[in-house]
N, C-alpha and C. Protein backbone atom coordinates (compact mmCIF):
# COMPACT_ATOMS: atom_id res chain seq x y z
N MET A 1 53.69 24.09 99.67
CA MET A 1 54.78 23.53 100.47
C MET A 1 55.81 22.84 99.59
N LYS A 2 55.32 22.14 98.58
CA LYS A 2 56.22 21.44 97.67
C LYS A 2 57.08 22.43 96.91
N LYS A 3 56.47 23.57 96.49
CA LYS A 3 57.22 24.57 95.75
C LYS A 3 58.32 25.18 96.62
N ILE A 4 58.01 25.41 97.90
CA ILE A 4 58.99 25.97 98.81
C ILE A 4 60.15 25.01 99.01
N THR A 5 59.85 23.73 99.16
CA THR A 5 60.88 22.71 99.33
C THR A 5 61.80 22.65 98.13
N LEU A 6 61.22 22.69 96.93
CA LEU A 6 62.01 22.67 95.70
C LEU A 6 62.88 23.90 95.58
N LEU A 7 62.35 25.06 95.99
CA LEU A 7 63.12 26.30 95.92
C LEU A 7 64.32 26.25 96.86
N ILE A 8 64.09 25.75 98.07
CA ILE A 8 65.20 25.64 99.03
C ILE A 8 66.26 24.69 98.52
N ALA A 9 65.85 23.57 97.94
CA ALA A 9 66.81 22.61 97.39
C ALA A 9 67.60 23.22 96.26
N SER A 10 66.93 24.00 95.41
CA SER A 10 67.61 24.64 94.29
C SER A 10 68.63 25.65 94.78
N LEU A 11 68.26 26.46 95.80
CA LEU A 11 69.19 27.43 96.33
C LEU A 11 70.39 26.75 96.97
N PHE A 12 70.19 25.61 97.59
CA PHE A 12 71.30 24.87 98.19
C PHE A 12 72.31 24.45 97.13
N LEU A 13 71.78 23.97 96.00
CA LEU A 13 72.67 23.53 94.93
C LEU A 13 73.47 24.69 94.37
N VAL A 14 72.89 25.88 94.38
CA VAL A 14 73.56 27.03 93.76
C VAL A 14 74.52 27.71 94.71
N VAL A 15 74.07 28.04 95.94
CA VAL A 15 74.90 28.85 96.82
C VAL A 15 75.14 28.23 98.19
N GLY A 16 74.50 27.12 98.50
CA GLY A 16 74.60 26.58 99.84
C GLY A 16 75.89 25.87 100.13
N LEU A 17 76.59 25.43 99.09
CA LEU A 17 77.85 24.74 99.29
C LEU A 17 78.98 25.76 99.28
N SER A 18 79.74 25.85 100.35
CA SER A 18 80.84 26.80 100.41
C SER A 18 81.96 26.20 101.23
N ALA A 19 83.17 26.71 101.00
CA ALA A 19 84.35 26.25 101.72
C ALA A 19 84.49 24.74 101.66
N GLN A 20 84.11 24.15 100.54
CA GLN A 20 84.27 22.71 100.36
C GLN A 20 85.61 22.46 99.71
N ILE A 21 86.37 21.54 100.25
CA ILE A 21 87.72 21.29 99.78
C ILE A 21 87.71 20.24 98.68
N PHE A 22 88.37 20.56 97.56
CA PHE A 22 88.51 19.64 96.45
C PHE A 22 89.98 19.30 96.25
N GLU A 23 90.24 18.12 95.75
CA GLU A 23 91.62 17.66 95.57
C GLU A 23 92.34 18.41 94.46
N ASN A 24 91.57 18.84 93.46
CA ASN A 24 92.17 19.55 92.33
C ASN A 24 91.32 20.77 91.98
N LEU A 25 91.93 21.72 91.29
CA LEU A 25 91.21 22.89 90.82
C LEU A 25 91.79 23.29 89.47
N TYR A 26 90.91 23.71 88.55
CA TYR A 26 91.32 23.96 87.17
C TYR A 26 90.83 25.33 86.72
N LEU A 27 91.68 26.02 85.97
CA LEU A 27 91.35 27.32 85.40
C LEU A 27 90.77 27.12 84.01
N ILE A 28 89.68 27.82 83.70
CA ILE A 28 89.02 27.63 82.42
C ILE A 28 88.37 28.94 81.98
N GLY A 29 88.20 29.11 80.66
CA GLY A 29 87.51 30.28 80.14
C GLY A 29 88.23 30.87 78.94
N ASP A 30 87.53 31.71 78.18
CA ASP A 30 88.11 32.32 76.99
C ASP A 30 89.23 33.30 77.32
N ALA A 31 89.31 33.71 78.58
CA ALA A 31 90.42 34.58 78.99
C ALA A 31 91.72 33.79 79.13
N THR A 32 91.64 32.45 79.08
CA THR A 32 92.80 31.59 79.26
C THR A 32 93.11 30.85 77.96
N ALA A 33 94.26 30.19 77.96
CA ALA A 33 94.66 29.41 76.78
C ALA A 33 93.78 28.18 76.59
N ALA A 34 93.06 27.77 77.65
CA ALA A 34 92.24 26.56 77.57
C ALA A 34 90.91 26.80 76.87
N GLY A 35 90.45 28.06 76.80
CA GLY A 35 89.11 28.32 76.29
C GLY A 35 88.08 27.69 77.22
N TRP A 36 86.89 27.40 76.69
CA TRP A 36 85.82 26.82 77.50
C TRP A 36 85.73 25.30 77.35
N ASP A 37 86.80 24.66 76.89
CA ASP A 37 86.82 23.20 76.76
C ASP A 37 87.04 22.59 78.14
N ASN A 38 85.97 22.05 78.74
CA ASN A 38 86.11 21.53 80.09
C ASN A 38 86.82 20.17 80.15
N ASN A 39 87.22 19.66 79.00
CA ASN A 39 88.05 18.45 78.97
C ASN A 39 89.54 18.78 78.95
N ASN A 40 89.86 20.09 78.83
CA ASN A 40 91.27 20.47 78.74
C ASN A 40 91.54 21.77 79.52
N PRO A 41 91.12 21.85 80.79
CA PRO A 41 91.38 23.05 81.58
C PRO A 41 92.82 23.08 82.07
N ILE A 42 93.20 24.19 82.70
CA ILE A 42 94.57 24.36 83.19
C ILE A 42 94.61 24.01 84.68
N GLN A 43 95.30 22.93 85.01
CA GLN A 43 95.34 22.48 86.40
C GLN A 43 96.19 23.40 87.24
N GLY A 44 95.70 23.72 88.45
CA GLY A 44 96.45 24.56 89.36
C GLY A 44 97.46 23.76 90.15
N THR A 45 98.52 24.44 90.61
CA THR A 45 99.50 23.82 91.49
C THR A 45 98.96 23.82 92.91
N LYS A 46 98.87 22.66 93.51
CA LYS A 46 98.35 22.55 94.87
C LYS A 46 99.45 22.93 95.86
N VAL A 47 99.26 24.03 96.57
CA VAL A 47 100.24 24.52 97.52
C VAL A 47 100.09 23.81 98.86
N GLU A 48 98.84 23.69 99.31
CA GLU A 48 98.49 22.94 100.51
C GLU A 48 97.02 22.58 100.39
N GLU A 49 96.46 21.96 101.42
CA GLU A 49 95.07 21.52 101.34
C GLU A 49 94.14 22.71 101.06
N GLY A 50 93.47 22.65 99.91
CA GLY A 50 92.51 23.68 99.56
C GLY A 50 93.09 24.94 98.96
N VAL A 51 94.40 25.00 98.78
CA VAL A 51 95.05 26.21 98.26
C VAL A 51 95.76 25.87 96.94
N PHE A 52 95.46 26.67 95.90
CA PHE A 52 95.99 26.42 94.56
C PHE A 52 96.53 27.71 93.96
N THR A 53 97.50 27.57 93.06
CA THR A 53 98.09 28.74 92.43
C THR A 53 98.38 28.48 90.95
N TRP A 54 98.33 29.54 90.18
CA TRP A 54 98.68 29.51 88.76
C TRP A 54 99.52 30.74 88.44
N THR A 55 100.40 30.64 87.45
CA THR A 55 100.94 31.81 86.77
C THR A 55 100.55 31.64 85.32
N ALA A 56 99.67 32.51 84.84
CA ALA A 56 99.08 32.32 83.52
C ALA A 56 98.70 33.66 82.91
N THR A 57 98.63 33.68 81.59
CA THR A 57 98.16 34.86 80.89
C THR A 57 96.64 34.89 80.91
N LEU A 58 96.08 36.03 81.29
CA LEU A 58 94.65 36.25 81.24
C LEU A 58 94.38 37.39 80.27
N ASN A 59 93.43 37.16 79.36
CA ASN A 59 93.10 38.15 78.34
C ASN A 59 91.95 39.03 78.79
N ALA A 60 92.06 40.33 78.51
CA ALA A 60 90.98 41.26 78.83
C ALA A 60 89.81 41.03 77.88
N PRO A 61 88.60 41.34 78.30
CA PRO A 61 87.41 41.12 77.46
C PRO A 61 87.47 41.90 76.14
N SER A 62 87.21 41.17 75.04
CA SER A 62 87.12 41.84 73.74
C SER A 62 86.16 41.09 72.81
N PRO A 63 84.89 40.93 73.19
CA PRO A 63 84.31 41.47 74.43
C PRO A 63 84.05 40.42 75.51
N ASP A 64 84.32 39.13 75.24
CA ASP A 64 83.77 38.09 76.12
C ASP A 64 84.81 37.21 76.79
N GLN A 65 86.05 37.67 76.92
CA GLN A 65 87.09 36.83 77.53
C GLN A 65 86.96 36.88 79.05
N ARG A 66 86.55 35.75 79.64
CA ARG A 66 86.36 35.66 81.08
C ARG A 66 86.85 34.29 81.58
N PHE A 67 86.83 34.08 82.88
CA PHE A 67 87.32 32.82 83.43
C PHE A 67 86.62 32.47 84.72
N LYS A 68 86.69 31.20 85.07
CA LYS A 68 86.21 30.67 86.34
C LYS A 68 87.04 29.42 86.64
N PHE A 69 86.57 28.57 87.53
CA PHE A 69 87.34 27.40 87.94
C PHE A 69 86.47 26.15 87.94
N LEU A 70 87.07 25.05 87.52
CA LEU A 70 86.42 23.73 87.60
C LEU A 70 87.02 22.95 88.75
N THR A 71 86.20 22.12 89.38
CA THR A 71 86.70 21.22 90.41
C THR A 71 86.93 19.81 89.88
N GLU A 72 86.44 19.57 88.66
CA GLU A 72 86.60 18.26 88.04
C GLU A 72 86.60 18.42 86.52
N VAL A 73 87.47 17.70 85.86
CA VAL A 73 87.57 17.77 84.40
C VAL A 73 86.33 17.13 83.76
N GLY A 74 85.81 17.78 82.72
CA GLY A 74 84.75 17.19 81.93
C GLY A 74 83.34 17.43 82.42
N THR A 75 83.16 18.26 83.46
CA THR A 75 81.82 18.53 83.97
C THR A 75 81.72 19.97 84.43
N TRP A 76 80.48 20.52 84.38
CA TRP A 76 80.22 21.87 84.86
C TRP A 76 79.60 21.87 86.24
N ILE A 77 79.50 20.70 86.86
CA ILE A 77 79.00 20.60 88.22
C ILE A 77 80.07 21.09 89.19
N ASN A 78 79.67 21.85 90.21
CA ASN A 78 80.60 22.36 91.22
C ASN A 78 81.71 23.23 90.63
N THR A 79 81.31 24.27 89.90
CA THR A 79 82.29 25.25 89.43
C THR A 79 82.48 26.32 90.51
N ILE A 80 83.64 26.96 90.48
CA ILE A 80 83.95 28.05 91.41
C ILE A 80 83.99 29.34 90.60
N THR A 81 83.21 30.33 91.02
CA THR A 81 83.11 31.55 90.23
C THR A 81 82.76 32.73 91.15
N CYS A 82 82.38 33.85 90.53
CA CYS A 82 81.97 35.02 91.32
C CYS A 82 80.50 34.87 91.71
N GLN A 83 79.92 35.92 92.26
CA GLN A 83 78.54 35.85 92.75
C GLN A 83 77.57 35.38 91.65
N ILE A 84 76.59 34.61 92.04
CA ILE A 84 75.70 33.98 91.05
C ILE A 84 74.23 34.25 91.34
N THR A 85 73.94 35.11 92.33
CA THR A 85 72.54 35.40 92.65
C THR A 85 72.02 36.60 91.86
N GLU A 86 72.93 37.38 91.25
CA GLU A 86 72.56 38.50 90.41
C GLU A 86 73.31 38.40 89.09
N ASN A 87 72.68 38.88 88.03
CA ASN A 87 73.29 38.82 86.72
C ASN A 87 74.39 39.87 86.60
N GLY A 88 75.61 39.43 86.23
CA GLY A 88 76.71 40.38 86.07
C GLY A 88 78.05 39.77 86.34
N HIS A 89 78.98 39.93 85.39
CA HIS A 89 80.34 39.44 85.59
C HIS A 89 81.09 40.36 86.55
N GLU A 90 82.22 39.88 87.08
CA GLU A 90 82.95 40.66 88.07
C GLU A 90 84.37 40.93 87.59
N THR A 91 84.77 42.20 87.62
CA THR A 91 86.12 42.59 87.22
C THR A 91 87.06 42.46 88.41
N VAL A 92 88.20 41.80 88.20
CA VAL A 92 89.16 41.56 89.27
C VAL A 92 89.85 42.87 89.66
N VAL A 93 89.95 43.11 90.96
CA VAL A 93 90.75 44.22 91.48
C VAL A 93 92.08 43.62 91.94
N LEU A 94 93.17 43.99 91.28
CA LEU A 94 94.46 43.38 91.57
C LEU A 94 94.88 43.63 93.02
N GLY A 95 95.33 42.55 93.65
CA GLY A 95 95.79 42.63 95.02
C GLY A 95 94.69 42.58 96.06
N GLN A 96 93.46 42.55 95.64
CA GLN A 96 92.33 42.52 96.59
C GLN A 96 91.75 41.12 96.65
N GLU A 97 91.39 40.67 97.86
CA GLU A 97 90.75 39.36 98.00
C GLU A 97 89.35 39.41 97.40
N MET A 98 89.09 38.53 96.45
CA MET A 98 87.80 38.46 95.78
C MET A 98 87.02 37.26 96.34
N ASP A 99 85.74 37.47 96.60
CA ASP A 99 84.90 36.39 97.11
C ASP A 99 84.64 35.35 96.02
N LEU A 100 84.67 34.09 96.43
CA LEU A 100 84.38 32.97 95.53
C LEU A 100 83.09 32.28 95.96
N PHE A 101 82.39 31.71 94.99
CA PHE A 101 81.14 31.00 95.27
C PHE A 101 81.16 29.67 94.53
N LEU A 102 80.62 28.67 95.17
CA LEU A 102 80.52 27.34 94.57
C LEU A 102 79.16 27.20 93.91
N LYS A 103 79.17 26.97 92.60
CA LYS A 103 77.93 26.76 91.86
C LYS A 103 77.75 25.27 91.65
N GLY A 104 76.92 24.65 92.50
CA GLY A 104 76.75 23.20 92.43
C GLY A 104 75.98 22.76 91.21
N ASP A 105 74.91 23.49 90.87
CA ASP A 105 74.04 23.14 89.75
C ASP A 105 74.42 23.98 88.54
N PRO A 106 74.89 23.38 87.45
CA PRO A 106 75.29 24.16 86.27
C PRO A 106 74.14 24.92 85.63
N TYR A 107 72.90 24.54 85.94
CA TYR A 107 71.73 25.19 85.35
C TYR A 107 71.04 26.14 86.33
N GLY A 108 71.58 26.26 87.53
CA GLY A 108 70.97 27.13 88.53
C GLY A 108 71.76 28.42 88.68
N GLY A 109 71.09 29.51 88.97
CA GLY A 109 71.78 30.78 89.15
C GLY A 109 72.27 31.37 87.84
N TYR A 110 72.94 32.50 87.92
CA TYR A 110 73.45 33.17 86.72
C TYR A 110 74.82 32.62 86.35
N ASP A 111 75.10 32.61 85.06
CA ASP A 111 76.38 32.08 84.56
C ASP A 111 77.41 33.19 84.51
N ASN A 112 77.81 33.67 85.68
CA ASN A 112 78.77 34.77 85.76
C ASN A 112 80.20 34.25 85.81
N ALA A 113 81.15 35.13 85.52
CA ALA A 113 82.56 34.76 85.55
C ALA A 113 83.39 36.00 85.85
N PHE A 114 84.68 35.78 86.11
CA PHE A 114 85.60 36.88 86.37
C PHE A 114 86.21 37.39 85.07
N GLN A 115 86.71 38.64 85.13
CA GLN A 115 87.42 39.21 84.00
C GLN A 115 88.49 40.17 84.52
N VAL A 116 89.55 40.38 83.72
CA VAL A 116 90.60 41.33 84.07
C VAL A 116 90.52 42.52 83.13
N GLU A 117 91.04 43.66 83.57
CA GLU A 117 90.96 44.86 82.75
C GLU A 117 92.03 44.90 81.67
N THR A 118 93.18 44.25 81.93
CA THR A 118 94.33 44.32 81.01
C THR A 118 94.88 42.93 80.75
N THR A 119 95.18 42.64 79.50
CA THR A 119 95.83 41.37 79.16
C THR A 119 97.25 41.38 79.69
N ASP A 120 97.59 40.37 80.48
CA ASP A 120 98.92 40.30 81.11
C ASP A 120 99.10 38.91 81.68
N GLN A 121 100.31 38.64 82.16
CA GLN A 121 100.55 37.41 82.89
C GLN A 121 100.30 37.68 84.37
N TYR A 122 99.53 36.80 85.00
CA TYR A 122 99.11 37.03 86.37
C TYR A 122 99.47 35.85 87.27
N ARG A 123 99.66 36.16 88.54
CA ARG A 123 99.75 35.14 89.59
C ARG A 123 98.36 35.05 90.21
N ILE A 124 97.76 33.86 90.15
CA ILE A 124 96.40 33.63 90.64
C ILE A 124 96.47 32.69 91.84
N ASP A 125 95.96 33.12 92.98
CA ASP A 125 95.95 32.30 94.18
C ASP A 125 94.52 32.10 94.65
N VAL A 126 94.13 30.86 94.86
CA VAL A 126 92.79 30.53 95.31
C VAL A 126 92.88 29.74 96.61
N ASP A 127 92.13 30.17 97.61
CA ASP A 127 92.06 29.47 98.89
C ASP A 127 90.62 29.02 99.11
N LEU A 128 90.37 27.74 98.95
CA LEU A 128 89.02 27.20 99.12
C LEU A 128 88.63 27.11 100.59
N ASN A 129 89.60 27.22 101.49
CA ASN A 129 89.29 27.20 102.92
C ASN A 129 88.54 28.47 103.32
N THR A 130 88.90 29.58 102.69
CA THR A 130 88.24 30.86 102.98
C THR A 130 87.36 31.33 101.84
N MET A 131 87.38 30.59 100.71
CA MET A 131 86.66 30.97 99.49
C MET A 131 87.05 32.37 99.04
N LYS A 132 88.36 32.58 98.91
CA LYS A 132 88.91 33.85 98.46
C LYS A 132 89.89 33.62 97.31
N MET A 133 89.97 34.60 96.41
CA MET A 133 90.93 34.58 95.31
C MET A 133 91.69 35.89 95.31
N THR A 134 93.01 35.82 95.08
CA THR A 134 93.82 37.02 94.94
C THR A 134 94.62 36.91 93.65
N ILE A 135 94.63 38.00 92.87
CA ILE A 135 95.38 38.03 91.61
C ILE A 135 96.28 39.26 91.60
N ILE A 136 97.55 39.06 91.23
CA ILE A 136 98.46 40.17 91.02
C ILE A 136 99.19 39.94 89.70
N ALA A 137 99.66 41.02 89.09
CA ALA A 137 100.39 40.92 87.83
C ALA A 137 101.76 40.32 88.09
N ALA A 138 102.07 39.20 87.44
CA ALA A 138 103.34 38.53 87.66
C ALA A 138 104.50 39.38 87.18
N SER A 139 104.26 40.24 86.19
CA SER A 139 105.34 41.03 85.59
C SER A 139 105.85 42.11 86.54
N THR A 140 105.08 42.47 87.56
CA THR A 140 105.49 43.58 88.41
C THR A 140 106.73 43.27 89.22
N VAL A 141 106.85 42.03 89.68
CA VAL A 141 108.02 41.68 90.50
C VAL A 141 108.66 40.37 90.06
N GLY A 142 108.35 39.91 88.88
CA GLY A 142 108.98 38.70 88.36
C GLY A 142 108.60 37.46 89.12
N ILE A 143 107.32 37.31 89.45
CA ILE A 143 106.87 36.14 90.19
C ILE A 143 106.85 34.92 89.27
N SER A 144 107.22 33.79 89.77
CA SER A 144 107.09 32.53 89.03
C SER A 144 106.39 31.53 89.91
N THR A 145 105.74 30.54 89.29
CA THR A 145 105.06 29.51 90.07
C THR A 145 106.09 28.61 90.75
N ILE A 146 105.92 28.41 92.05
CA ILE A 146 106.88 27.61 92.80
C ILE A 146 106.13 26.86 93.89
N SER A 147 106.48 25.63 94.08
CA SER A 147 105.83 24.83 95.11
C SER A 147 106.18 25.37 96.49
N LYS A 148 105.22 25.28 97.41
CA LYS A 148 105.47 25.74 98.77
C LYS A 148 106.66 25.01 99.38
N ASP A 149 106.83 23.73 99.05
CA ASP A 149 107.92 22.95 99.61
C ASP A 149 109.28 23.44 99.13
N ASP A 150 109.33 24.18 98.01
CA ASP A 150 110.59 24.65 97.46
C ASP A 150 110.97 26.03 97.98
N VAL A 151 110.09 26.70 98.69
CA VAL A 151 110.39 28.02 99.26
C VAL A 151 110.99 27.82 100.64
N PRO A 152 112.26 28.22 100.86
CA PRO A 152 112.92 27.90 102.14
C PRO A 152 112.62 28.88 103.26
N PHE A 153 111.49 29.58 103.19
CA PHE A 153 111.14 30.48 104.27
C PHE A 153 109.64 30.59 104.39
N LYS A 154 109.19 31.08 105.55
CA LYS A 154 107.78 31.30 105.81
C LYS A 154 107.58 32.79 106.10
N ALA A 155 106.63 33.40 105.40
CA ALA A 155 106.33 34.82 105.60
C ALA A 155 104.97 34.96 106.25
N THR A 156 104.91 35.65 107.37
CA THR A 156 103.65 35.90 108.07
C THR A 156 103.54 37.39 108.36
N SER A 157 102.33 37.82 108.70
CA SER A 157 102.11 39.24 108.97
C SER A 157 101.31 39.42 110.26
N ILE A 158 101.81 40.31 111.12
CA ILE A 158 101.10 40.66 112.35
C ILE A 158 101.19 42.18 112.53
N GLY A 159 100.05 42.83 112.60
CA GLY A 159 100.03 44.26 112.85
C GLY A 159 100.77 45.10 111.83
N GLY A 160 100.74 44.67 110.57
CA GLY A 160 101.39 45.45 109.52
C GLY A 160 102.88 45.17 109.36
N VAL A 161 103.43 44.28 110.19
CA VAL A 161 104.85 43.90 110.10
C VAL A 161 104.96 42.51 109.51
N ILE A 162 105.82 42.34 108.51
CA ILE A 162 106.04 41.04 107.89
C ILE A 162 107.22 40.35 108.59
N ASN A 163 106.98 39.12 109.03
CA ASN A 163 108.01 38.32 109.71
C ASN A 163 108.46 37.20 108.80
N ILE A 164 109.78 37.02 108.68
CA ILE A 164 110.36 36.00 107.82
C ILE A 164 111.10 34.99 108.69
N THR A 165 110.81 33.71 108.48
CA THR A 165 111.53 32.65 109.18
C THR A 165 112.06 31.67 108.15
N MET A 166 113.38 31.54 108.09
CA MET A 166 113.99 30.58 107.17
C MET A 166 113.80 29.17 107.72
N SER A 167 113.74 28.20 106.79
CA SER A 167 113.52 26.81 107.21
C SER A 167 114.78 26.16 107.76
N ASP A 168 115.94 26.80 107.55
CA ASP A 168 117.18 26.28 108.13
C ASP A 168 117.99 27.47 108.66
N ALA A 169 119.23 27.23 109.01
CA ALA A 169 120.05 28.28 109.62
C ALA A 169 120.79 29.13 108.59
N SER A 170 120.39 29.05 107.34
CA SER A 170 121.10 29.80 106.29
C SER A 170 121.00 31.30 106.53
N MET A 171 122.10 31.98 106.30
CA MET A 171 122.09 33.44 106.35
C MET A 171 121.43 33.97 105.08
N VAL A 172 120.79 35.11 105.20
CA VAL A 172 120.11 35.73 104.08
C VAL A 172 120.95 36.89 103.58
N ASP A 173 121.30 36.85 102.28
CA ASP A 173 122.09 37.93 101.69
C ASP A 173 121.29 39.23 101.70
N ASN A 174 120.05 39.15 101.23
CA ASN A 174 119.17 40.31 101.32
C ASN A 174 117.73 39.87 101.06
N PHE A 175 116.79 40.67 101.54
CA PHE A 175 115.40 40.42 101.22
C PHE A 175 114.74 41.75 100.87
N GLU A 176 113.72 41.66 100.00
CA GLU A 176 113.01 42.84 99.54
C GLU A 176 111.52 42.57 99.58
N VAL A 177 110.74 43.59 99.86
CA VAL A 177 109.28 43.49 99.89
C VAL A 177 108.72 44.47 98.87
N TYR A 178 107.83 43.98 98.00
CA TYR A 178 107.24 44.79 96.95
C TYR A 178 105.72 44.83 97.12
N ASN A 179 105.12 45.98 96.79
CA ASN A 179 103.67 46.05 96.74
C ASN A 179 103.21 45.61 95.36
N ILE A 180 101.89 45.57 95.13
CA ILE A 180 101.38 45.03 93.87
C ILE A 180 101.67 45.93 92.68
N ALA A 181 102.07 47.18 92.95
CA ALA A 181 102.45 48.08 91.85
C ALA A 181 103.89 47.84 91.42
N GLY A 182 104.61 46.98 92.15
CA GLY A 182 105.99 46.68 91.80
C GLY A 182 107.00 47.57 92.49
N SER A 183 106.55 48.42 93.42
CA SER A 183 107.46 49.31 94.14
C SER A 183 108.02 48.61 95.38
N MET A 184 109.34 48.73 95.60
CA MET A 184 109.95 48.13 96.78
C MET A 184 109.62 49.00 97.99
N VAL A 185 109.07 48.39 99.04
CA VAL A 185 108.64 49.14 100.22
C VAL A 185 109.48 48.80 101.45
N ALA A 186 110.32 47.78 101.36
CA ALA A 186 111.19 47.42 102.48
C ALA A 186 112.33 46.55 101.98
N SER A 187 113.47 46.62 102.66
CA SER A 187 114.60 45.78 102.29
C SER A 187 115.59 45.70 103.45
N LYS A 188 116.35 44.61 103.49
CA LYS A 188 117.42 44.43 104.48
C LYS A 188 118.49 43.55 103.85
N SER A 189 119.72 43.67 104.36
CA SER A 189 120.83 42.87 103.86
C SER A 189 121.55 42.20 105.03
N ASN A 190 122.14 41.02 104.72
CA ASN A 190 122.97 40.29 105.68
C ASN A 190 122.27 40.11 107.03
N VAL A 191 121.15 39.42 106.98
CA VAL A 191 120.37 39.18 108.19
C VAL A 191 120.40 37.70 108.55
N SER A 192 119.98 37.38 109.77
CA SER A 192 119.97 36.00 110.23
C SER A 192 118.75 35.28 109.66
N ASN A 193 118.50 34.07 110.17
CA ASN A 193 117.42 33.26 109.60
C ASN A 193 116.04 33.65 110.14
N ARG A 194 115.96 34.67 111.01
CA ARG A 194 114.68 35.21 111.47
C ARG A 194 114.77 36.73 111.50
N PHE A 195 113.83 37.39 110.82
CA PHE A 195 113.90 38.85 110.76
C PHE A 195 112.53 39.40 110.39
N SER A 196 112.38 40.70 110.53
CA SER A 196 111.09 41.35 110.28
C SER A 196 111.32 42.68 109.57
N THR A 197 110.26 43.18 108.94
CA THR A 197 110.32 44.52 108.37
C THR A 197 110.25 45.55 109.50
N ASP A 198 110.92 46.67 109.31
CA ASP A 198 110.92 47.71 110.34
C ASP A 198 109.65 48.55 110.29
N ALA A 199 109.23 48.89 109.07
CA ALA A 199 108.08 49.78 108.91
C ALA A 199 106.77 49.00 108.94
N GLN A 200 105.72 49.65 109.46
CA GLN A 200 104.39 49.07 109.42
C GLN A 200 103.80 49.28 108.03
N LEU A 201 103.33 48.22 107.43
CA LEU A 201 102.78 48.29 106.08
C LEU A 201 101.27 48.39 106.13
N THR A 202 100.71 49.06 105.14
CA THR A 202 99.25 49.15 105.05
C THR A 202 98.68 47.83 104.55
N SER A 203 97.39 47.65 104.74
CA SER A 203 96.74 46.41 104.31
C SER A 203 96.88 46.22 102.80
N GLY A 204 97.11 44.99 102.39
CA GLY A 204 97.24 44.69 100.96
C GLY A 204 98.07 43.45 100.72
N VAL A 205 98.33 43.17 99.46
CA VAL A 205 99.12 42.01 99.05
C VAL A 205 100.55 42.45 98.75
N TYR A 206 101.51 41.73 99.28
CA TYR A 206 102.92 42.04 99.06
C TYR A 206 103.65 40.78 98.58
N VAL A 207 104.77 41.00 97.91
CA VAL A 207 105.62 39.89 97.48
C VAL A 207 106.97 40.04 98.16
N VAL A 208 107.38 38.98 98.86
CA VAL A 208 108.67 38.95 99.54
C VAL A 208 109.66 38.19 98.67
N LYS A 209 110.81 38.81 98.39
CA LYS A 209 111.88 38.16 97.63
C LYS A 209 113.10 38.01 98.53
N VAL A 210 113.58 36.79 98.67
CA VAL A 210 114.71 36.49 99.54
C VAL A 210 115.84 35.90 98.70
N ARG A 211 117.04 36.46 98.86
CA ARG A 211 118.24 35.92 98.21
C ARG A 211 119.09 35.22 99.26
N SER A 212 119.31 33.93 99.05
CA SER A 212 120.10 33.14 99.99
C SER A 212 120.84 32.06 99.23
N ASN A 213 122.10 31.87 99.53
CA ASN A 213 122.93 30.83 98.87
C ASN A 213 122.88 30.96 97.35
N ASN A 214 122.97 32.20 96.89
CA ASN A 214 123.01 32.50 95.45
C ASN A 214 121.73 32.13 94.71
N LYS A 215 120.63 32.01 95.44
CA LYS A 215 119.33 31.74 94.83
C LYS A 215 118.33 32.78 95.31
N VAL A 216 117.33 33.07 94.45
CA VAL A 216 116.31 34.04 94.80
C VAL A 216 114.96 33.33 94.86
N TYR A 217 114.23 33.53 95.94
CA TYR A 217 112.92 32.92 96.14
C TYR A 217 111.90 34.02 96.39
N SER A 218 110.67 33.77 95.98
CA SER A 218 109.61 34.76 96.21
C SER A 218 108.36 34.08 96.74
N SER A 219 107.61 34.83 97.54
CA SER A 219 106.37 34.32 98.13
C SER A 219 105.44 35.49 98.39
N LYS A 220 104.15 35.24 98.28
CA LYS A 220 103.14 36.27 98.53
C LYS A 220 102.75 36.26 99.99
N VAL A 221 102.47 37.45 100.54
CA VAL A 221 101.96 37.55 101.90
C VAL A 221 100.90 38.65 101.91
N ILE A 222 99.81 38.41 102.65
CA ILE A 222 98.73 39.39 102.75
C ILE A 222 98.81 40.07 104.11
N VAL A 223 98.90 41.40 104.08
CA VAL A 223 98.89 42.19 105.31
C VAL A 223 97.46 42.68 105.53
N ARG A 224 96.90 42.36 106.67
CA ARG A 224 95.53 42.76 106.98
C ARG A 224 95.52 43.84 108.06
């Protein structure tokens, strides 16, 4: 009975904690400029509660360049990574939501991490509310890190249609929608402060670029 109790406690520390919200999140690993120094990780930009983003270069394995996330500087407790119940690192599929797992005990479970196939600059988005991560190549559409408060529009998706709502009454000179390969799949010019794409888009990650008042803004939207 004692052994069973200890086993259950151990499993809780490794995989039982999920969708836990942390105030900060940090990128770490040999695939990043920070290396594995947990005293100097790369802090993510907090977009909203539980949601963080980075624009950073990730190096492909040659052979061991990988990455994960810290929830606190200077400790390996409560790291965020890929699956930890089986031995094996996980290669990121660009534009696809990747499952995240909270590893509470640094000595429990397998020490797995994520890796990318190609060295490039990437936009990394992590949502701890859903325990999902999405990565796209920043070079495909010229994405830059920007605070949610600085983007003057909201992009949502219903039934394959992307809806754009500007935060004020500003007219939009033009907007463009790109897929993760960098191909433009929709565009409109001289529209009001509320508009939608005409065509139904397939499931995936898209980047919306809006030009208004001589400025260009971009935001990611997931079509399910």
